[in-house]
């Protein structure tokens, strides 16, 4: 039976390490991927966006797999949806009064 105790010791060591790894690495990554997928699905005309290459602009046309971003007057660039890094919030943030 001494072999069983060695196996259980290893099991008690690796199971908590696996759980810690799951909750600190895998789960947050999945949540971030879900938020990004939701953001890309909810893109609409006139959203202010930032691309992965750092280009700021306003969504002009939303297609199935691409988005046309208006960068300046008369300048439009077509990007893959996955190239949109973030959507700027149009909400007005209240100032903190001290």
C-alpha atoms as a PDB file:
ATOM      1  CA  UNK A   1       0.000   0.000   0.000  1.00  0.00           C
ATOM      2  CA  UNK A   2       2.865   2.512   0.193  1.00  0.00           C
ATOM      3  CA  UNK A   3       2.493   3.099  -3.552  1.00  0.00           C
ATOM      4  CA  UNK A   4      -1.067   4.353  -3.041  1.00  0.00           C
ATOM      5  CA  UNK A   5       0.082   6.976  -0.554  1.00  0.00           C
ATOM      6  CA  UNK A   6       2.596   8.314  -3.091  1.00  0.00           C
ATOM      7  CA  UNK A   7      -0.099   8.585  -5.716  1.00  0.00           C
ATOM      8  CA  UNK A   8      -2.493  10.352  -3.369  1.00  0.00           C
ATOM      9  CA  UNK A   9       0.220  12.801  -2.338  1.00  0.00           C
ATOM     10  CA  UNK A  10       0.860  13.660  -5.959  1.00  0.00           C
ATOM     11  CA  UNK A  11      -2.882  13.904  -6.574  1.00  0.00           C
ATOM     12  CA  UNK A  12      -3.334  16.267  -3.631  1.00  0.00           C
ATOM     13  CA  UNK A  13      -0.487  18.383  -4.992  1.00  0.00           C
ATOM     14  CA  UNK A  14      -1.568  18.630  -8.648  1.00  0.00           C
ATOM     15  CA  UNK A  15      -5.329  19.037  -8.224  1.00  0.00           C
ATOM     16  CA  UNK A  16      -5.057  22.362  -6.312  1.00  0.00           C
ATOM     17  CA  UNK A  17      -2.392  23.584  -8.753  1.00  0.00           C
ATOM     18  CA  UNK A  18      -4.716  22.739 -11.655  1.00  0.00           C
ATOM     19  CA  UNK A  19      -7.629  24.550  -9.998  1.00  0.00           C
ATOM     20  CA  UNK A  20      -5.514  27.627  -9.287  1.00  0.00           C
ATOM     21  CA  UNK A  21      -4.280  27.638 -12.887  1.00  0.00           C
ATOM     22  CA  UNK A  22      -7.861  27.354 -14.162  1.00  0.00           C
ATOM     23  CA  UNK A  23      -9.201  30.228 -12.052  1.00  0.00           C
ATOM     24  CA  UNK A  24      -6.210  32.539 -12.576  1.00  0.00           C
ATOM     25  CA  UNK A  25      -5.479  31.926 -16.265  1.00  0.00           C
ATOM     26  CA  UNK A  26      -8.053  29.984 -18.266  1.00  0.00           C
ATOM     27  CA  UNK A  27     -11.324  31.350 -16.875  1.00  0.00           C
ATOM     28  CA  UNK A  28     -10.421  35.073 -17.184  1.00  0.00           C
ATOM     29  CA  UNK A  29      -9.158  34.477 -20.721  1.00  0.00           C
ATOM     30  CA  UNK A  30     -12.457  32.838 -21.719  1.00  0.00           C
ATOM     31  CA  UNK A  31     -14.426  35.702 -20.176  1.00  0.00           C
ATOM     32  CA  UNK A  32     -12.342  38.241 -22.114  1.00  0.00           C
ATOM     33  CA  UNK A  33     -12.871  36.317 -25.358  1.00  0.00           C
ATOM     34  CA  UNK A  34     -16.619  36.278 -24.704  1.00  0.00           C
ATOM     35  CA  UNK A  35     -16.672  40.070 -24.122  1.00  0.00           C
ATOM     36  CA  UNK A  36     -14.651  40.689 -27.292  1.00  0.00           C
ATOM     37  CA  UNK A  37     -16.927  38.455 -29.365  1.00  0.00           C
ATOM     38  CA  UNK A  38     -19.985  40.254 -27.979  1.00  0.00           C
ATOM     39  CA  UNK A  39     -18.438  43.676 -28.694  1.00  0.00           C
ATOM     40  CA  UNK A  40     -17.716  42.717 -32.317  1.00  0.00           C
ATOM     41  CA  UNK A  41     -21.224  41.319 -32.774  1.00  0.00           C
ATOM     42  CA  UNK A  42     -22.763  44.573 -31.493  1.00  0.00           C
ATOM     43  CA  UNK A  43     -20.808  46.947 -33.759  1.00  0.00           C
ATOM     44  CA  UNK A  44     -23.057  49.495 -35.432  1.00  0.00           C
ATOM     45  CA  UNK A  45     -22.800  52.581 -37.596  1.00  0.00           C
ATOM     46  CA  UNK A  46     -21.358  55.705 -35.877  1.00  0.00           C
ATOM     47  CA  UNK A  47     -19.560  53.734 -33.133  1.00  0.00           C
ATOM     48  CA  UNK A  48     -16.158  55.231 -32.378  1.00  0.00           C
ATOM     49  CA  UNK A  49     -13.562  52.463 -32.537  1.00  0.00           C
ATOM     50  CA  UNK A  50      -9.842  51.844 -32.146  1.00  0.00           C
ATOM     51  CA  UNK A  51      -8.201  49.168 -34.289  1.00  0.00           C
ATOM     52  CA  UNK A  52      -5.449  46.796 -33.230  1.00  0.00           C
ATOM     53  CA  UNK A  53      -3.015  48.955 -35.225  1.00  0.00           C
ATOM     54  CA  UNK A  54      -4.029  52.048 -33.241  1.00  0.00           C
ATOM     55  CA  UNK A  55      -6.152  53.759 -35.876  1.00  0.00           C
ATOM     56  CA  UNK A  56      -9.055  55.755 -34.423  1.00  0.00           C
ATOM     57  CA  UNK A  57     -12.207  56.261 -36.437  1.00  0.00           C
ATOM     58  CA  UNK A  58     -15.961  55.987 -36.732  1.00  0.00           C
ATOM     59  CA  UNK A  59     -17.789  52.974 -38.139  1.00  0.00           C
ATOM     60  CA  UNK A  60     -19.359  53.894 -41.490  1.00  0.00           C
ATOM     61  CA  UNK A  61     -20.516  50.507 -42.795  1.00  0.00           C
ATOM     62  CA  UNK A  62     -20.853  47.156 -41.025  1.00  0.00           C
ATOM     63  CA  UNK A  63     -20.589  44.062 -43.239  1.00  0.00           C
ATOM     64  CA  UNK A  64     -20.597  40.355 -42.356  1.00  0.00           C
ATOM     65  CA  UNK A  65     -16.847  39.933 -41.909  1.00  0.00           C
ATOM     66  CA  UNK A  66     -15.544  43.465 -42.361  1.00  0.00           C
ATOM     67  CA  UNK A  67     -16.135  46.982 -41.072  1.00  0.00           C
ATOM     68  CA  UNK A  68     -15.546  50.208 -43.005  1.00  0.00           C
ATOM     69  CA  UNK A  69     -14.075  52.836 -40.673  1.00  0.00           C
ATOM     70  CA  UNK A  70     -14.181  56.554 -41.495  1.00  0.00           C
ATOM     71  CA  UNK A  71     -10.836  57.962 -40.382  1.00  0.00           C
ATOM     72  CA  UNK A  72     -11.194  61.484 -41.807  1.00  0.00           C
ATOM     73  CA  UNK A  73     -13.345  63.324 -44.333  1.00  0.00           C
ATOM     74  CA  UNK A  74     -13.139  61.332 -47.548  1.00  0.00           C
ATOM     75  CA  UNK A  75     -10.891  58.657 -46.019  1.00  0.00           C
ATOM     76  CA  UNK A  76     -12.427  55.259 -45.325  1.00  0.00           C
ATOM     77  CA  UNK A  77     -10.550  52.059 -44.568  1.00  0.00           C
ATOM     78  CA  UNK A  78     -12.005  48.549 -44.578  1.00  0.00           C
ATOM     79  CA  UNK A  79     -10.906  46.290 -41.698  1.00  0.00           C
ATOM     80  CA  UNK A  80     -11.678  42.739 -40.665  1.00  0.00           C
ATOM     81  CA  UNK A  81     -14.016  42.700 -37.667  1.00  0.00           C
ATOM     82  CA  UNK A  82     -11.287  41.022 -35.612  1.00  0.00           C
ATOM     83  CA  UNK A  83      -9.084  44.084 -36.196  1.00  0.00           C
ATOM     84  CA  UNK A  84     -11.308  46.220 -33.963  1.00  0.00           C
ATOM     85  CA  UNK A  85      -9.641  46.348 -30.549  1.00  0.00           C
ATOM     86  CA  UNK A  86     -12.178  48.455 -28.674  1.00  0.00           C
ATOM     87  CA  UNK A  87     -15.260  50.602 -28.961  1.00  0.00           C
ATOM     88  CA  UNK A  88     -15.005  53.994 -27.294  1.00  0.00           C
ATOM     89  CA  UNK A  89     -17.780  54.643 -24.823  1.00  0.00           C
ATOM     90  CA  UNK A  90     -20.087  57.510 -25.751  1.00  0.00           C
ATOM     91  CA  UNK A  91     -21.395  57.754 -22.203  1.00  0.00           C
ATOM     92  CA  UNK A  92     -20.668  60.923 -20.260  1.00  0.00           C
ATOM     93  CA  UNK A  93     -18.857  60.067 -17.053  1.00  0.00           C
ATOM     94  CA  UNK A  94     -19.898  62.123 -14.044  1.00  0.00           C
ATOM     95  CA  UNK A  95     -17.173  64.111 -12.342  1.00  0.00           C
ATOM     96  CA  UNK A  96     -16.233  63.170  -8.809  1.00  0.00           C
ATOM     97  CA  UNK A  97     -16.977  66.010  -6.415  1.00  0.00           C
ATOM     98  CA  UNK A  98     -14.891  66.157  -3.255  1.00  0.00           C
END
